[in-house]
Protein backbone atom coordinates (compact mmCIF):
# COMPACT_ATOMS: atom_id res chain seq x y z
CA MET A 1 63.56 55.14 105.23
CA ILE A 2 64.25 58.16 107.45
CA TRP A 3 67.58 56.66 108.53
CA PHE A 4 68.63 56.28 104.92
CA ALA A 5 67.81 59.96 104.22
CA ILE A 6 69.81 61.07 107.27
CA PHE A 7 72.73 58.85 106.24
CA ALA A 8 72.70 60.09 102.63
CA THR A 9 72.50 63.73 103.74
CA THR A 10 75.41 63.22 106.13
CA VAL A 11 77.56 61.53 103.44
CA PHE A 12 76.91 64.34 100.95
CA ALA A 13 77.57 67.02 103.58
CA VAL A 14 80.88 65.44 104.59
CA TYR A 15 81.92 65.02 100.93
CA PHE A 16 81.22 68.65 100.03
CA TRP A 17 82.85 69.90 103.24
CA MET A 18 86.02 67.95 102.39
CA GLN A 19 86.03 69.42 98.86
CA TYR A 20 85.64 72.92 100.29
CA ARG A 21 88.51 72.40 102.75
CA ALA A 22 90.79 71.07 99.99
CA ARG A 23 90.13 74.22 97.89
CA GLN A 24 90.78 76.45 100.91
CA ARG A 25 94.07 74.68 101.69
CA GLU A 26 95.19 75.17 98.10
CA LEU A 27 94.30 78.87 98.15
CA ASP A 28 96.10 79.38 101.46
CA SER A 29 99.22 77.56 100.27
CA PRO A 30 102.30 79.74 99.69
CA LEU A 31 102.81 77.85 96.42
CA ALA A 32 99.34 78.64 95.06
CA SER A 33 99.34 80.00 91.53
CA HIS A 34 98.05 83.41 92.62
CA ARG A 35 100.96 83.77 95.07
CA THR A 36 103.86 82.89 92.77
CA GLY A 37 105.27 86.41 92.98
CA HIS A 38 105.83 86.03 96.71
CA SER A 39 108.61 83.53 96.06
CA HIS A 40 110.65 86.29 94.35
CA ILE A 41 110.65 88.72 97.29
CA GLY A 42 114.24 89.58 98.21
CA GLN A 43 115.65 88.54 94.85
CA VAL A 44 118.00 90.99 93.10
CA VAL A 45 117.50 91.38 89.35
CA VAL A 46 119.32 93.28 86.62
CA LEU A 47 116.90 95.34 84.55
CA GLU A 48 117.05 94.60 80.83
CA GLN A 49 114.71 97.53 80.11
CA ALA A 50 114.58 100.86 81.93
CA LEU A 51 111.77 101.56 84.39
CA GLN A 52 110.03 104.66 83.08
CA ASN A 53 107.26 106.48 84.93
CA GLY A 54 107.72 103.93 87.69
CA GLN A 55 106.66 100.97 85.52
CA GLY A 56 108.35 98.34 83.43
CA LYS A 57 108.79 94.64 82.76
CA ILE A 58 111.35 92.05 83.81
CA ARG A 59 111.84 88.36 83.11
CA LEU A 60 112.14 86.09 86.14
CA GLY A 61 112.32 82.38 85.57
CA ASN A 62 110.14 81.54 82.59
CA ARG A 63 107.68 84.41 83.05
CA ASP A 64 107.56 88.12 82.22
CA TRP A 65 106.49 90.25 85.18
CA SER A 66 105.17 93.80 85.31
CA VAL A 67 107.13 95.79 87.87
CA ARG A 68 106.57 99.05 89.69
CA GLY A 69 109.22 101.14 91.40
CA PRO A 70 111.47 104.17 91.00
CA ASN A 71 112.70 105.22 87.57
CA LEU A 72 115.82 103.17 86.87
CA PRO A 73 118.00 102.84 83.76
CA ALA A 74 118.52 99.59 81.88
CA GLY A 75 121.28 97.54 83.49
CA ALA A 76 120.54 98.80 87.00
CA LYS A 77 120.09 96.35 89.85
CA ALA A 78 116.75 96.22 91.65
CA ARG A 79 115.51 94.15 94.60
CA VAL A 80 111.99 92.72 94.64
CA THR A 81 110.43 94.10 97.83
CA GLY A 82 106.80 93.07 97.51
CA VAL A 83 103.89 91.99 95.37
CA ASP A 84 100.72 93.88 94.45
CA GLY A 85 98.46 91.37 92.75
CA THR A 86 100.46 90.27 89.72
CA ILE A 87 102.84 93.25 89.81
CA LEU A 88 106.23 92.97 91.52
CA LEU A 89 107.33 95.98 93.57
CA VAL A 90 111.03 96.79 93.23
CA ASP A 91 113.49 99.21 94.80
CA ARG A 92 116.98 100.22 93.73
CA VAL A 93 119.97 98.38 95.15
CA ALA A 94 122.77 100.51 96.53
CA ALA A 95 125.92 99.96 94.49
């Protein structure tokens, strides 16, 4: 009976450890849903709306993104330089 308890405990421990590792691999993946903004770093976008008070919105792909950067007029080009949570950080592109 004791061997069965040890075996069952080991099986459950290995199962839950494998589940934990799978979740960790997904969170560490560069394609994880919370890291989707990282794939846009370096991309140059044309602003459809002006950035006022250092904030605005842009459309990249099929998603609207909040952006933060210098005040820029509509139609200006901006390069995505980083990500802060779900906000893309942009900087002006020299013409």
